[in-house]
Amino acid sequence: MSQERAVKVIERIRELGLTNRAVADAIGVQERAVYRWFNYEREPRLSFDQVAALCTLLGWTVQQLAEAYHPTEAQ
């Protein structure tokens, strides 16, 4: 995962006090996958349902998640 693209998402997860296990359970992936995302070893590959679950977990809309993960140059 590109570090610069993941920073806002990871910051939000930490802000909410979520563990890798909590994120993994909420979106239906293995805890090891979340660990790899947070350590920039892999890009997340999520289904639409998993994206929706992540948005619910973060308290964000899909648009907010997209902007946090892939910010425009103006941000």
Protein backbone atom coordinates (compact mmCIF):
# COMPACT_ATOMS: atom_id res chain seq x y z
CA MET A 1 0.00 0.00 0.00
CA SER A 2 1.28 3.40 -0.85
CA GLN A 3 2.19 5.03 2.43
CA GLU A 4 1.10 8.51 1.40
CA ARG A 5 -2.30 7.21 0.30
CA ALA A 6 -2.97 5.21 3.45
CA VAL A 7 -2.00 7.75 6.10
CA LYS A 8 -5.43 9.35 6.59
CA VAL A 9 -7.21 6.00 6.75
CA ILE A 10 -4.73 4.62 9.27
CA GLU A 11 -4.90 7.82 11.31
CA ARG A 12 -8.69 7.52 11.46
CA ILE A 13 -8.50 3.89 12.56
CA ARG A 14 -6.04 4.82 15.32
CA GLU A 15 -8.14 7.84 16.29
CA LEU A 16 -11.06 5.50 16.86
CA GLY A 17 -8.84 3.19 18.93
CA LEU A 18 -9.47 0.21 16.68
CA THR A 19 -7.21 -2.81 16.65
CA ASN A 20 -6.20 -4.81 13.61
CA ARG A 21 -8.52 -7.55 14.85
CA ALA A 22 -11.48 -5.15 15.11
CA VAL A 23 -10.92 -3.88 11.58
CA ALA A 24 -10.48 -7.40 10.22
CA ASP A 25 -13.61 -8.68 11.94
CA ALA A 26 -15.68 -5.70 10.79
CA ILE A 27 -14.78 -6.06 7.12
CA GLY A 28 -14.40 -9.82 6.93
CA VAL A 29 -10.69 -10.27 6.27
CA GLN A 30 -7.91 -11.93 8.18
CA GLU A 31 -6.07 -9.92 10.81
CA ARG A 32 -2.81 -10.57 8.95
CA ALA A 33 -4.21 -8.75 5.89
CA VAL A 34 -4.89 -5.64 7.97
CA TYR A 35 -1.41 -5.87 9.46
CA ARG A 36 0.07 -5.93 5.96
CA TRP A 37 -1.98 -2.90 4.91
CA PHE A 38 -0.85 -0.92 7.92
CA ASN A 39 2.77 -1.81 7.27
CA TYR A 40 2.46 -0.85 3.59
CA GLU A 41 3.23 -4.38 2.43
CA ARG A 42 0.01 -4.80 0.42
CA GLU A 43 -2.81 -2.78 -1.09
CA PRO A 44 -6.28 -3.63 0.20
CA ARG A 45 -8.49 -5.52 -2.24
CA LEU A 46 -11.99 -5.15 -0.91
CA SER A 47 -15.40 -6.07 -2.27
CA PHE A 48 -18.15 -3.48 -2.35
CA ASP A 49 -19.62 -4.98 0.82
CA GLN A 50 -16.25 -4.75 2.55
CA VAL A 51 -15.83 -1.11 1.48
CA ALA A 52 -19.29 -0.39 2.88
CA ALA A 53 -18.37 -2.12 6.15
CA LEU A 54 -15.12 -0.14 6.37
CA CYS A 55 -17.00 3.11 5.80
CA THR A 56 -19.46 2.19 8.55
CA LEU A 57 -16.59 1.34 10.88
CA LEU A 58 -14.84 4.64 10.18
CA GLY A 59 -18.02 6.70 10.25
CA TRP A 60 -17.25 7.94 6.75
CA THR A 61 -19.08 8.01 3.46
CA VAL A 62 -17.63 6.20 0.47
CA GLN A 63 -16.68 9.63 -0.90
CA GLN A 64 -14.76 10.48 2.28
CA LEU A 65 -12.94 7.15 2.15
CA ALA A 66 -12.04 7.69 -1.49
CA GLU A 67 -10.76 11.21 -0.78
CA ALA A 68 -8.76 10.03 2.24
CA TYR A 69 -7.20 7.17 0.33
CA HIS A 70 -6.60 9.01 -2.92
CA PRO A 71 -6.60 12.77 -2.19
CA THR A 72 -6.75 15.24 -5.02
CA GLU A 73 -3.82 17.56 -5.52
CA ALA A 74 -5.85 20.43 -4.07
CA GLN A 75 -6.10 18.78 -0.64
